[in-house]
Amino acid sequence: MAVIAIPLKDNNGMDSHVNEHFSRSPFFMIYLDSEKEHKIIENSAAFTPGHEGTIDLLKQNDVESILCSGIGPGALDYAQELKMRVCFGRAKSVGELLEMNDRGELEDVIDGSPCI
């Protein structure tokens, strides 16, 4: 069972917009891939300095993979330090990003920053 996190601009279920600014996302979708179920959580660390609070929140929710459309190098390094897989792809909605993931179209981020 993979637990996936996706940064969101709003709280509209599968129609939510993907936030390109990972650590500042007001919400995250926590998606259980094997069961196709999700919940949306508020990012209490969205406006605190740094990225650790956001990554720690995801770790507390058992996240194993992050699907995103932008992430800075500090957040990327910390996520990888905590053994979270980070995948990158441009999408407007959560549903679109998950479909891209299902088709294997997302790029695994290993080094550097995909934040454009």
PDB file of N, CA and C in Angstrom:
ATOM      1  N   MET A   1       0.848  -1.189   0.000  1.00  0.00           N
ATOM      2  CA  MET A   1       0.000   0.000   0.000  1.00  0.00           C
ATOM      3  C   MET A   1       0.886   1.242   0.000  1.00  0.00           C
ATOM      4  N   ALA A   2       0.771   2.045  -1.024  1.00  0.00           N
ATOM      5  CA  ALA A   2       1.538   3.288  -1.100  1.00  0.00           C
ATOM      6  C   ALA A   2       0.695   4.441  -0.557  1.00  0.00           C
ATOM      7  N   VAL A   3       1.306   5.248   0.283  1.00  0.00           N
ATOM      8  CA  VAL A   3       0.658   6.451   0.788  1.00  0.00           C
ATOM      9  C   VAL A   3       1.331   7.633   0.099  1.00  0.00           C
ATOM     10  N   ILE A   4       0.536   8.386  -0.646  1.00  0.00           N
ATOM     11  CA  ILE A   4       1.018   9.465  -1.498  1.00  0.00           C
ATOM     12  C   ILE A   4       0.512  10.802  -0.969  1.00  0.00           C
ATOM     13  N   ALA A   5       1.356  11.830  -1.028  1.00  0.00           N
ATOM     14  CA  ALA A   5       0.947  13.195  -0.681  1.00  0.00           C
ATOM     15  C   ALA A   5       1.036  14.074  -1.920  1.00  0.00           C
ATOM     16  N   ILE A   6       0.030  14.943  -2.066  1.00  0.00           N
ATOM     17  CA  ILE A   6      -0.002  15.906  -3.170  1.00  0.00           C
ATOM     18  C   ILE A   6      -0.313  17.287  -2.587  1.00  0.00           C
ATOM     19  N   PRO A   7       0.528  18.298  -2.870  1.00  0.00           N
ATOM     20  CA  PRO A   7       0.279  19.652  -2.362  1.00  0.00           C
ATOM     21  C   PRO A   7      -0.891  20.307  -3.103  1.00  0.00           C
ATOM     22  N   LEU A   8      -1.774  20.951  -2.343  1.00  0.00           N
ATOM     23  CA  LEU A   8      -2.989  21.538  -2.921  1.00  0.00           C
ATOM     24  C   LEU A   8      -3.103  23.028  -2.648  1.00  0.00           C
ATOM     25  N   LYS A   9      -3.703  23.728  -3.614  1.00  0.00           N
ATOM     26  CA  LYS A   9      -4.048  25.141  -3.443  1.00  0.00           C
ATOM     27  C   LYS A   9      -5.379  25.300  -2.725  1.00  0.00           C
ATOM     28  N   ASP A  10      -6.272  24.311  -2.900  1.00  0.00           N
ATOM     29  CA  ASP A  10      -7.622  24.407  -2.346  1.00  0.00           C
ATOM     30  C   ASP A  10      -8.087  23.028  -1.898  1.00  0.00           C
ATOM     31  N   ASN A  11      -9.245  22.983  -1.270  1.00  0.00           N
ATOM     32  CA  ASN A  11      -9.790  21.746  -0.719  1.00  0.00           C
ATOM     33  C   ASN A  11     -11.063  21.375  -1.477  1.00  0.00           C
ATOM     34  N   ASN A  12     -10.880  20.824  -2.681  1.00  0.00           N
ATOM     35  CA  ASN A  12     -12.018  20.458  -3.530  1.00  0.00           C
ATOM     36  C   ASN A  12     -11.937  19.006  -3.997  1.00  0.00           C
ATOM     37  N   GLY A  13     -11.460  18.119  -3.141  1.00  0.00           N
ATOM     38  CA  GLY A  13     -11.371  16.708  -3.495  1.00  0.00           C
ATOM     39  C   GLY A  13     -10.506  16.488  -4.716  1.00  0.00           C
ATOM     40  N   MET A  14     -10.935  15.576  -5.599  1.00  0.00           N
ATOM     41  CA  MET A  14     -10.161  15.251  -6.799  1.00  0.00           C
ATOM     42  C   MET A  14     -10.077  16.416  -7.793  1.00  0.00           C
ATOM     43  N   ASP A  15     -10.902  17.435  -7.601  1.00  0.00           N
ATOM     44  CA  ASP A  15     -10.850  18.620  -8.458  1.00  0.00           C
ATOM     45  C   ASP A  15      -9.924  19.702  -7.894  1.00  0.00           C
ATOM     46  N   SER A  16      -9.289  19.417  -6.760  1.00  0.00           N
ATOM     47  CA  SER A  16      -8.374  20.386  -6.153  1.00  0.00           C
ATOM     48  C   SER A  16      -7.241  20.706  -7.115  1.00  0.00           C
ATOM     49  N   HIS A  17      -6.770  21.937  -7.040  1.00  0.00           N
ATOM     50  CA  HIS A  17      -5.659  22.390  -7.874  1.00  0.00           C
ATOM     51  C   HIS A  17      -4.331  22.059  -7.198  1.00  0.00           C
ATOM     52  N   VAL A  18      -3.400  21.539  -7.972  1.00  0.00           N
ATOM     53  CA  VAL A  18      -2.065  21.219  -7.469  1.00  0.00           C
ATOM     54  C   VAL A  18      -1.307  22.518  -7.231  1.00  0.00           C
ATOM     55  N   ASN A  19      -0.668  22.621  -6.070  1.00  0.00           N
ATOM     56  CA  ASN A  19       0.112  23.812  -5.734  1.00  0.00           C
ATOM     57  C   ASN A  19       1.568  23.593  -6.156  1.00  0.00           C
ATOM     58  N   GLU A  20       2.107  24.523  -6.918  1.00  0.00           N
ATOM     59  CA  GLU A  20       3.492  24.431  -7.378  1.00  0.00           C
ATOM     60  C   GLU A  20       4.482  24.794  -6.285  1.00  0.00           C
ATOM     61  N   HIS A  21       4.029  25.408  -5.215  1.00  0.00           N
ATOM     62  CA  HIS A  21       4.889  25.837  -4.103  1.00  0.00           C
ATOM     63  C   HIS A  21       4.701  24.877  -2.940  1.00  0.00           C
ATOM     64  N   PHE A  22       5.415  23.776  -2.998  1.00  0.00           N
ATOM     65  CA  PHE A  22       5.226  22.637  -2.118  1.00  0.00           C
ATOM     66  C   PHE A  22       5.081  22.996  -0.633  1.00  0.00           C
ATOM     67  N   SER A  23       6.087  23.581  -0.034  1.00  0.00           N
ATOM     68  CA  SER A  23       6.081  23.811   1.419  1.00  0.00           C
ATOM     69  C   SER A  23       5.046  24.833   1.863  1.00  0.00           C
ATOM     70  N   ARG A  24       4.597  25.678   0.950  1.00  0.00           N
ATOM     71  CA  ARG A  24       3.607  26.715   1.285  1.00  0.00           C
ATOM     72  C   ARG A  24       2.176  26.289   0.958  1.00  0.00           C
ATOM     73  N   SER A  25       1.984  25.060   0.578  1.00  0.00           N
ATOM     74  CA  SER A  25       0.642  24.571   0.233  1.00  0.00           C
ATOM     75  C   SER A  25      -0.260  24.597   1.457  1.00  0.00           C
ATOM     76  N   PRO A  26      -1.443  25.195   1.348  1.00  0.00           N
ATOM     77  CA  PRO A  26      -2.343  25.234   2.502  1.00  0.00           C
ATOM     78  C   PRO A  26      -2.950  23.867   2.841  1.00  0.00           C
ATOM     79  N   PHE A  27      -2.999  22.964   1.852  1.00  0.00           N
ATOM     80  CA  PHE A  27      -3.580  21.635   2.056  1.00  0.00           C
ATOM     81  C   PHE A  27      -2.727  20.582   1.361  1.00  0.00           C
ATOM     82  N   PHE A  28      -2.873  19.353   1.819  1.00  0.00           N
ATOM     83  CA  PHE A  28      -2.287  18.194   1.149  1.00  0.00           C
ATOM     84  C   PHE A  28      -3.335  17.107   1.050  1.00  0.00           C
ATOM     85  N   MET A  29      -3.357  16.443  -0.096  1.00  0.00           N
ATOM     86  CA  MET A  29      -4.165  15.239  -0.207  1.00  0.00           C
ATOM     87  C   MET A  29      -3.273  14.074   0.198  1.00  0.00           C
ATOM     88  N   ILE A  30      -3.775  13.245   1.087  1.00  0.00           N
ATOM     89  CA  ILE A  30      -3.121  12.001   1.458  1.00  0.00           C
ATOM     90  C   ILE A  30      -3.921  10.912   0.766  1.00  0.00           C
ATOM     91  N   TYR A  31      -3.281  10.238  -0.164  1.00  0.00           N
ATOM     92  CA  TYR A  31      -3.959   9.293  -1.044  1.00  0.00           C
ATOM     93  C   TYR A  31      -3.417   7.886  -0.812  1.00  0.00           C
ATOM     94  N   LEU A  32      -4.308   6.956  -0.502  1.00  0.00           N
ATOM     95  CA  LEU A  32      -3.937   5.552  -0.329  1.00  0.00           C
ATOM     96  C   LEU A  32      -4.125   4.870  -1.675  1.00  0.00           C
ATOM     97  N   ASP A  33      -3.030   4.662  -2.366  1.00  0.00           N
ATOM     98  CA  ASP A  33      -3.050   4.189  -3.744  1.00  0.00           C
ATOM     99  C   ASP A  33      -3.768   2.847  -3.897  1.00  0.00           C
ATOM    100  N   SER A  34      -3.485   1.904  -3.027  1.00  0.00           N
ATOM    101  CA  SER A  34      -4.054   0.566  -3.184  1.00  0.00           C
ATOM    102  C   SER A  34      -5.566   0.545  -2.985  1.00  0.00           C
ATOM    103  N   GLU A  35      -6.080   1.465  -2.192  1.00  0.00           N
ATOM    104  CA  GLU A  35      -7.514   1.501  -1.903  1.00  0.00           C
ATOM    105  C   GLU A  35      -8.245   2.613  -2.646  1.00  0.00           C
ATOM    106  N   LYS A  36      -7.490   3.447  -3.358  1.00  0.00           N
ATOM    107  CA  LYS A  36      -8.066   4.580  -4.098  1.00  0.00           C
ATOM    108  C   LYS A  36      -8.922   5.473  -3.187  1.00  0.00           C
ATOM    109  N   GLU A  37      -8.452   5.655  -1.958  1.00  0.00           N
ATOM    110  CA  GLU A  37      -9.135   6.511  -0.986  1.00  0.00           C
ATOM    111  C   GLU A  37      -8.225   7.685  -0.649  1.00  0.00           C
ATOM    112  N   HIS A  38      -8.842   8.782  -0.215  1.00  0.00           N
ATOM    113  CA  HIS A  38      -8.043   9.949   0.132  1.00  0.00           C
ATOM    114  C   HIS A  38      -8.667  10.725   1.286  1.00  0.00           C
ATOM    115  N   LYS A  39      -7.818  11.552   1.874  1.00  0.00           N
ATOM    116  CA  LYS A  39      -8.269  12.557   2.842  1.00  0.00           C
ATOM    117  C   LYS A  39      -7.457  13.804   2.563  1.00  0.00           C
ATOM    118  N   ILE A  40      -8.010  14.936   2.919  1.00  0.00           N
ATOM    119  CA  ILE A  40      -7.300  16.202   2.745  1.00  0.00           C
ATOM    120  C   ILE A  40      -7.002  16.757   4.127  1.00  0.00           C
ATOM    121  N   ILE A  41      -5.725  17.119   4.326  1.00  0.00           N
ATOM    122  CA  ILE A  41      -5.313  17.673   5.612  1.00  0.00           C
ATOM    123  C   ILE A  41      -4.846  19.112   5.415  1.00  0.00           C
ATOM    124  N   GLU A  42      -4.983  19.891   6.460  1.00  0.00           N
ATOM    125  CA  GLU A  42      -4.497  21.264   6.434  1.00  0.00           C
ATOM    126  C   GLU A  42      -3.013  21.256   6.782  1.00  0.00           C
ATOM    127  N   ASN A  43      -2.242  22.066   6.084  1.00  0.00           N
ATOM    128  CA  ASN A  43      -0.809  22.177   6.344  1.00  0.00           C
ATOM    129  C   ASN A  43      -0.589  23.266   7.388  1.00  0.00           C
ATOM    130  N   SER A  44      -0.485  22.869   8.648  1.00  0.00           N
ATOM    131  CA  SER A  44      -0.303  23.820   9.739  1.00  0.00           C
ATOM    132  C   SER A  44       1.050  24.531   9.659  1.00  0.00           C
ATOM    133  N   ALA A  45       1.972  24.014   8.858  1.00  0.00           N
ATOM    134  CA  ALA A  45       3.302  24.608   8.729  1.00  0.00           C
ATOM    135  C   ALA A  45       3.455  25.458   7.467  1.00  0.00           C
ATOM    136  N   ALA A  46       2.353  25.738   6.777  1.00  0.00           N
ATOM    137  CA  ALA A  46       2.425  26.418   5.477  1.00  0.00           C
ATOM    138  C   ALA A  46       3.128  27.770   5.526  1.00  0.00           C
ATOM    139  N   PHE A  47       2.998  28.485   6.609  1.00  0.00           N
ATOM    140  CA  PHE A  47       3.573  29.824   6.656  1.00  0.00           C
ATOM    141  C   PHE A  47       4.630  29.972   7.735  1.00  0.00           C
ATOM    142  N   THR A  48       5.237  28.831   8.104  1.00  0.00           N
ATOM    143  CA  THR A  48       6.357  28.880   9.025  1.00  0.00           C
ATOM    144  C   THR A  48       7.647  28.849   8.213  1.00  0.00           C
ATOM    145  N   PRO A  49       8.719  29.397   8.739  1.00  0.00           N
ATOM    146  CA  PRO A  49       9.983  29.381   7.992  1.00  0.00           C
ATOM    147  C   PRO A  49      10.457  27.941   7.743  1.00  0.00           C
ATOM    148  N   GLY A  50      11.088  27.744   6.604  1.00  0.00           N
ATOM    149  CA  GLY A  50      11.657  26.442   6.285  1.00  0.00           C
ATOM    150  C   GLY A  50      10.647  25.464   5.731  1.00  0.00           C
ATOM    151  N   HIS A  51      11.070  24.252   5.560  1.00  0.00           N
ATOM    152  CA  HIS A  51      10.262  23.211   4.948  1.00  0.00           C
ATOM    153  C   HIS A  51      10.085  22.002   5.870  1.00  0.00           C
ATOM    154  N   GLU A  52      10.808  21.986   6.982  1.00  0.00           N
ATOM    155  CA  GLU A  52      10.799  20.819   7.854  1.00  0.00           C
ATOM    156  C   GLU A  52       9.421  20.508   8.408  1.00  0.00           C
ATOM    157  N   GLY A  53       8.683  21.537   8.818  1.00  0.00           N
ATOM    158  CA  GLY A  53       7.355  21.329   9.391  1.00  0.00           C
ATOM    159  C   GLY A  53       6.411  20.648   8.427  1.00  0.00           C
ATOM    160  N   THR A  54       6.463  21.059   7.163  1.00  0.00           N
ATOM    161  CA  THR A  54       5.602  20.451   6.148  1.00  0.00           C
ATOM    162  C   THR A  54       5.971  18.988   5.926  1.00  0.00           C
ATOM    163  N   ILE A  55       7.256  18.701   5.769  1.00  0.00           N
ATOM    164  CA  ILE A  55       7.697  17.314   5.548  1.00  0.00           C
ATOM    165  C   ILE A  55       7.393  16.463   6.777  1.00  0.00           C
ATOM    166  N   ASP A  56       7.611  17.003   7.972  1.00  0.00           N
ATOM    167  CA  ASP A  56       7.306  16.253   9.198  1.00  0.00           C
ATOM    168  C   ASP A  56       5.818  15.927   9.292  1.00  0.00           C
ATOM    169  N   LEU A  57       4.959  16.856   8.882  1.00  0.00           N
ATOM    170  CA  LEU A  57       3.514  16.608   8.875  1.00  0.00           C
ATOM    171  C   LEU A  57       3.184  15.430   7.962  1.00  0.00           C
ATOM    172  N   LEU A  58       3.804  15.388   6.803  1.00  0.00           N
ATOM    173  CA  LEU A  58       3.562  14.282   5.876  1.00  0.00           C
ATOM    174  C   LEU A  58       4.074  12.968   6.457  1.00  0.00           C
ATOM    175  N   LYS A  59       5.235  13.000   7.098  1.00  0.00           N
ATOM    176  CA  LYS A  59       5.790  11.794   7.711  1.00  0.00           C
ATOM    177  C   LYS A  59       4.848  11.271   8.801  1.00  0.00           C
ATOM    178  N   GLN A  60       4.249  12.183   9.565  1.00  0.00           N
ATOM    179  CA  GLN A  60       3.277  11.790  10.602  1.00  0.00           C
ATOM    180  C   GLN A  60       2.054  11.115  10.006  1.00  0.00           C
ATOM    181  N   ASN A  61       1.790  11.369   8.724  1.00  0.00           N
ATOM    182  CA  ASN A  61       0.661  10.752   8.025  1.00  0.00           C
ATOM    183  C   ASN A  61       1.106   9.553   7.173  1.00  0.00           C
ATOM    184  N   ASP A  62       2.282   9.008   7.494  1.00  0.00           N
ATOM    185  CA  ASP A  62       2.819   7.791   6.866  1.00  0.00           C
ATOM    186  C   ASP A  62       3.052   7.911   5.366  1.00  0.00           C
ATOM    187  N   VAL A  63       3.317   9.120   4.881  1.00  0.00           N
ATOM    188  CA  VAL A  63       3.539   9.338   3.455  1.00  0.00           C
ATOM    189  C   VAL A  63       4.846   8.671   3.025  1.00  0.00           C
ATOM    190  N   GLU A  64       4.765   7.955   1.902  1.00  0.00           N
ATOM    191  CA  GLU A  64       5.927   7.288   1.317  1.00  0.00           C
ATOM    192  C   GLU A  64       6.385   7.978   0.037  1.00  0.00           C
ATOM    193  N   SER A  65       5.456   8.605  -0.674  1.00  0.00           N
ATOM    194  CA  SER A  65       5.759   9.262  -1.948  1.00  0.00           C
ATOM    195  C   SER A  65       5.078  10.615  -2.013  1.00  0.00           C
ATOM    196  N   ILE A  66       5.757  11.550  -2.664  1.00  0.00           N
ATOM    197  CA  ILE A  66       5.209  12.884  -2.902  1.00  0.00           C
ATOM    198  C   ILE A  66       5.100  13.063  -4.414  1.00  0.00           C
ATOM    199  N   LEU A  67       3.917  13.443  -4.875  1.00  0.00           N
ATOM    200  CA  LEU A  67       3.711  13.807  -6.278  1.00  0.00           C
ATOM    201  C   LEU A  67       3.542  15.310  -6.302  1.00  0.00           C
ATOM    202  N   CYS A  68       4.343  16.012  -7.106  1.00  0.00           N
ATOM    203  CA  CYS A  68       4.279  17.466  -7.079  1.00  0.00           C
ATOM    204  C   CYS A  68       4.603  18.062  -8.436  1.00  0.00           C
ATOM    205  N   SER A  69       4.310  19.351  -8.552  1.00  0.00           N
ATOM    206  CA  SER A  69       4.621  20.112  -9.763  1.00  0.00           C
ATOM    207  C   SER A  69       5.687  21.158  -9.494  1.00  0.00           C
ATOM    208  N   GLY A  70       6.310  21.089  -8.336  1.00  0.00           N
ATOM    209  CA  GLY A  70       7.374  22.003  -7.960  1.00  0.00           C
ATOM    210  C   GLY A  70       7.777  21.772  -6.524  1.00  0.00           C
ATOM    211  N   ILE A  71       9.082  21.739  -6.274  1.00  0.00           N
ATOM    212  CA  ILE A  71       9.601  21.558  -4.916  1.00  0.00           C
ATOM    213  C   ILE A  71      11.012  22.132  -4.879  1.00  0.00           C
ATOM    214  N   GLY A  72      11.328  22.818  -3.820  1.00  0.00           N
ATOM    215  CA  GLY A  72      12.653  23.409  -3.696  1.00  0.00           C
ATOM    216  C   GLY A  72      13.681  22.393  -3.224  1.00  0.00           C
ATOM    217  N   PRO A  73      14.971  22.743  -3.355  1.00  0.00           N
ATOM    218  CA  PRO A  73      16.028  21.793  -3.021  1.00  0.00           C
ATOM    219  C   PRO A  73      16.071  21.403  -1.544  1.00  0.00           C
ATOM    220  N   GLY A  74      15.756  22.318  -0.641  1.00  0.00           N
ATOM    221  CA  GLY A  74      15.771  21.989   0.783  1.00  0.00           C
ATOM    222  C   GLY A  74      14.694  20.980   1.141  1.00  0.00           C
ATOM    223  N   ALA A  75      13.484  21.202   0.653  1.00  0.00           N
ATOM    224  CA  ALA A  75      12.385  20.268   0.907  1.00  0.00           C
ATOM    225  C   ALA A  75      12.675  18.920   0.252  1.00  0.00           C
ATOM    226  N   LEU A  76      13.218  18.943  -0.947  1.00  0.00           N
ATOM    227  CA  LEU A  76      13.561  17.712  -1.650  1.00  0.00           C
ATOM    228  C   LEU A  76      14.588  16.911  -0.851  1.00  0.00           C
ATOM    229  N   ASP A  77      15.650  17.564  -0.406  1.00  0.00           N
ATOM    230  CA  ASP A  77      16.690  16.876   0.355  1.00  0.00           C
ATOM    231  C   ASP A  77      16.133  16.275   1.642  1.00  0.00           C
ATOM    232  N   TYR A  78      15.301  17.039   2.356  1.00  0.00           N
ATOM    233  CA  TYR A  78      14.756  16.546   3.624  1.00  0.00           C
ATOM    234  C   TYR A  78      13.797  15.379   3.384  1.00  0.00           C
ATOM    235  N   ALA A  79      12.966  15.459   2.362  1.00  0.00           N
ATOM    236  CA  ALA A  79      12.051  14.354   2.043  1.00  0.00           C
ATOM    237  C   ALA A  79      12.849  13.092   1.730  1.00  0.00           C
ATOM    238  N   GLN A  80      13.901  13.239   0.945  1.00  0.00           N
ATOM    239  CA  GLN A  80      14.724  12.079   0.599  1.00  0.00           C
ATOM    240  C   GLN A  80      15.475  11.533   1.809  1.00  0.00           C
ATOM    241  N   GLU A  81      15.873  12.419   2.710  1.00  0.00           N
ATOM    242  CA  GLU A  81      16.529  11.990   3.953  1.00  0.00           C
ATOM    243  C   GLU A  81      15.582  11.100   4.769  1.00  0.00           C
ATOM    244  N   LEU A  82      14.292  11.409   4.721  1.00  0.00           N
ATOM    245  CA  LEU A  82      13.280  10.626   5.441  1.00  0.00           C
ATOM    246  C   LEU A  82      12.738   9.473   4.598  1.00  0.00           C
ATOM    247  N   LYS A  83      13.434   9.175   3.494  1.00  0.00           N
ATOM    248  CA  LYS A  83      13.113   8.032   2.626  1.00  0.00           C
ATOM    249  C   LYS A  83      11.784   8.176   1.891  1.00  0.00           C
ATOM    250  N   MET A  84      11.389   9.404   1.593  1.00  0.00           N
ATOM    251  CA  MET A  84      10.192   9.647   0.793  1.00  0.00           C
ATOM    252  C   MET A  84      10.599   9.778  -0.672  1.00  0.00           C
ATOM    253  N   ARG A  85       9.892   9.104  -1.536  1.00  0.00           N
ATOM    254  CA  ARG A  85      10.105   9.214  -2.978  1.00  0.00           C
ATOM    255  C   ARG A  85       9.431  10.500  -3.449  1.00  0.00           C
ATOM    256  N   VAL A  86      10.087  11.251  -4.310  1.00  0.00           N
ATOM    257  CA  VAL A  86       9.528  12.493  -4.833  1.00  0.00           C
ATOM    258  C   VAL A  86       9.420  12.360  -6.350  1.00  0.00           C
ATOM    259  N   CYS A  87       8.214  12.570  -6.875  1.00  0.00           N
ATOM    260  CA  CYS A  87       7.957  12.474  -8.310  1.00  0.00           C
ATOM    261  C   CYS A  87       7.403  13.802  -8.803  1.00  0.00           C
ATOM    262  N   PHE A  88       7.804  14.170 -10.005  1.00  0.00           N
ATOM    263  CA  PHE A  88       7.492  15.480 -10.559  1.00  0.00           C
ATOM    264  C   PHE A  88       6.726  15.359 -11.872  1.00  0.00           C
ATOM    265  N   GLY A  89       5.692  16.180 -12.005  1.00  0.00           N
ATOM    266  CA  GLY A  89       4.944  16.277 -13.250  1.00  0.00           C
ATOM    267  C   GLY A  89       4.052  17.503 -13.215  1.00  0.00           C
ATOM    268  N   ARG A  90       3.857  18.134 -14.337  1.00  0.00           N
ATOM    269  CA  ARG A  90       2.997  19.326 -14.413  1.00  0.00           C
ATOM    270  C   ARG A  90       1.553  18.913 -14.615  1.00  0.00           C
ATOM    271  N   ALA A  91       0.694  19.327 -13.698  1.00  0.00           N
ATOM    272  CA  ALA A  91      -0.738  19.044 -13.796  1.00  0.00           C
ATOM    273  C   ALA A  91      -1.493  20.140 -13.058  1.00  0.00           C
ATOM    274  N   LYS A  92      -2.709  20.417 -13.506  1.00  0.00           N
ATOM    275  CA  LYS A  92      -3.532  21.424 -12.841  1.00  0.00           C
ATOM    276  C   LYS A  92      -4.309  20.832 -11.665  1.00  0.00           C
ATOM    277  N   SER A  93      -4.866  19.633 -11.862  1.00  0.00           N
ATOM    278  CA  SER A  93      -5.714  19.050 -10.820  1.00  0.00           C
ATOM    279  C   SER A  93      -5.090  17.785 -10.250  1.00  0.00           C
ATOM    280  N   VAL A  94      -5.530  17.423  -9.058  1.00  0.00           N
ATOM    281  CA  VAL A  94      -5.082  16.193  -8.410  1.00  0.00           C
ATOM    282  C   VAL A  94      -5.420  14.989  -9.277  1.00  0.00           C
ATOM    283  N   GLY A  95      -6.632  14.958  -9.818  1.00  0.00           N
ATOM    284  CA  GLY A  95      -7.043  13.841 -10.653  1.00  0.00           C
ATOM    285  C   GLY A  95      -6.112  13.649 -11.831  1.00  0.00           C
ATOM    286  N   GLU A  96      -5.724  14.749 -12.477  1.00  0.00           N
ATOM    287  CA  GLU A  96      -4.808  14.699 -13.615  1.00  0.00           C
ATOM    288  C   GLU A  96      -3.439  14.171 -13.193  1.00  0.00           C
ATOM    289  N   LEU A  97      -2.921  14.636 -12.049  1.00  0.00           N
ATOM    290  CA  LEU A  97      -1.614  14.196 -11.571  1.00  0.00           C
ATOM    291  C   LEU A  97      -1.634  12.705 -11.226  1.00  0.00           C
ATOM    292  N   LEU A  98      -2.709  12.244 -10.608  1.00  0.00           N
ATOM    293  CA  LEU A  98      -2.814  10.819 -10.272  1.00  0.00           C
ATOM    294  C   LEU A  98      -2.911   9.957 -11.533  1.00  0.00           C
ATOM    295  N   GLU A  99      -3.614  10.452 -12.537  1.00  0.00           N
ATOM    296  CA  GLU A  99      -3.688   9.719 -13.814  1.00  0.00           C
ATOM    297  C   GLU A  99      -2.307   9.629 -14.457  1.00  0.00           C
ATOM    298  N   MET A 100      -1.557  10.718 -14.419  1.00  0.00           N
ATOM    299  CA  MET A 100      -0.197  10.705 -14.959  1.00  0.00           C
ATOM    300  C   MET A 100       0.656   9.682 -14.206  1.00  0.00           C
ATOM    301  N   ASN A 101       0.490   9.630 -12.886  1.00  0.00           N
ATOM    302  CA  ASN A 101       1.226   8.674 -12.070  1.00  0.00           C
ATOM    303  C   ASN A 101       0.863   7.238 -12.455  1.00  0.00           C
ATOM    304  N   ASP A 102      -0.425   6.971 -12.620  1.00  0.00           N
ATOM    305  CA  ASP A 102      -0.883   5.627 -12.998  1.00  0.00           C
ATOM    306  C   ASP A 102      -0.313   5.196 -14.347  1.00  0.00           C
ATOM    307  N   ARG A 103      -0.125   6.145 -15.256  1.00  0.00           N
ATOM    308  CA  ARG A 103       0.415   5.842 -16.587  1.00  0.00           C
ATOM    309  C   ARG A 103       1.950   5.813 -16.603  1.00  0.00           C
ATOM    310  N   GLY A 104       2.570   6.083 -15.444  1.00  0.00           N
ATOM    311  CA  GLY A 104       4.027   6.071 -15.361  1.00  0.00           C
ATOM    312  C   GLY A 104       4.691   7.266 -16.009  1.00  0.00           C
ATOM    313  N   GLU A 105       3.997   8.385 -16.080  1.00  0.00           N
ATOM    314  CA  GLU A 105       4.500   9.572 -16.768  1.00  0.00           C
ATOM    315  C   GLU A 105       5.230  10.565 -15.860  1.00  0.00           C
ATOM    316  N   LEU A 106       5.328  10.281 -14.573  1.00  0.00           N
ATOM    317  CA  LEU A 106       5.991  11.217 -13.666  1.00  0.00           C
ATOM    318  C   LEU A 106       7.474  10.881 -13.563  1.00  0.00           C
ATOM    319  N   GLU A 107       8.269  11.905 -13.394  1.00  0.00           N
ATOM    320  CA  GLU A 107       9.719  11.783 -13.303  1.00  0.00           C
ATOM    321  C   GLU A 107      10.139  11.678 -11.837  1.00  0.00           C
ATOM    322  N   ASP A 108      10.915  10.648 -11.498  1.00  0.00           N
ATOM    323  CA  ASP A 108      11.484  10.568 -10.156  1.00  0.00           C
ATOM    324  C   ASP A 108      12.554  11.645 -10.025  1.00  0.00           C
ATOM    325  N   VAL A 109      12.490  12.396  -8.954  1.00  0.00           N
ATOM    326  CA  VAL A 109      13.479  13.449  -8.708  1.00  0.00           C
ATOM    327  C   VAL A 109      14.545  12.868  -7.809  1.00  0.00           C
ATOM    328  N   ILE A 110      15.786  12.897  -8.270  1.00  0.00           N
ATOM    329  CA  ILE A 110      16.881  12.319  -7.498  1.00  0.00           C
ATOM    330  C   ILE A 110      17.848  13.408  -7.057  1.00  0.00           C
ATOM    331  N   ASP A 111      18.324  14.217  -7.966  1.00  0.00           N
ATOM    332  CA  ASP A 111      19.249  15.299  -7.640  1.00  0.00           C
ATOM    333  C   ASP A 111      18.739  16.587  -8.269  1.00  0.00           C
ATOM    334  N   GLY A 112      19.066  17.687  -7.618  1.00  0.00           N
ATOM    335  CA  GLY A 112      18.676  18.971  -8.173  1.00  0.00           C
ATOM    336  C   GLY A 112      17.247  19.337  -7.807  1.00  0.00           C
ATOM    337  N   SER A 113      16.774  20.427  -8.323  1.00  0.00           N
ATOM    338  CA  SER A 113      15.452  20.924  -8.004  1.00  0.00           C
ATOM    339  C   SER A 113      14.597  21.056  -9.243  1.00  0.00           C
ATOM    340  N   PRO A 114      13.403  20.442  -9.223  1.00  0.00           N
ATOM    341  CA  PRO A 114      12.491  20.603 -10.342  1.00  0.00           C
ATOM    342  C   PRO A 114      11.639  21.856 -10.213  1.00  0.00           C
ATOM    343  N   CYS A 115      11.892  22.663  -9.213  1.00  0.00           N
ATOM    344  CA  CYS A 115      11.091  23.861  -9.000  1.00  0.00           C
ATOM    345  C   CYS A 115      11.444  24.870 -10.081  1.00  0.00           C
ATOM    346  N   ILE A 116      10.481  25.130 -10.963  1.00  0.00           N
ATOM    347  CA  ILE A 116      10.722  25.994 -12.116  1.00  0.00           C
ATOM    348  C   ILE A 116       9.868  27.245 -12.022  1.00  0.00           C
TER     349      ILE A 116
END
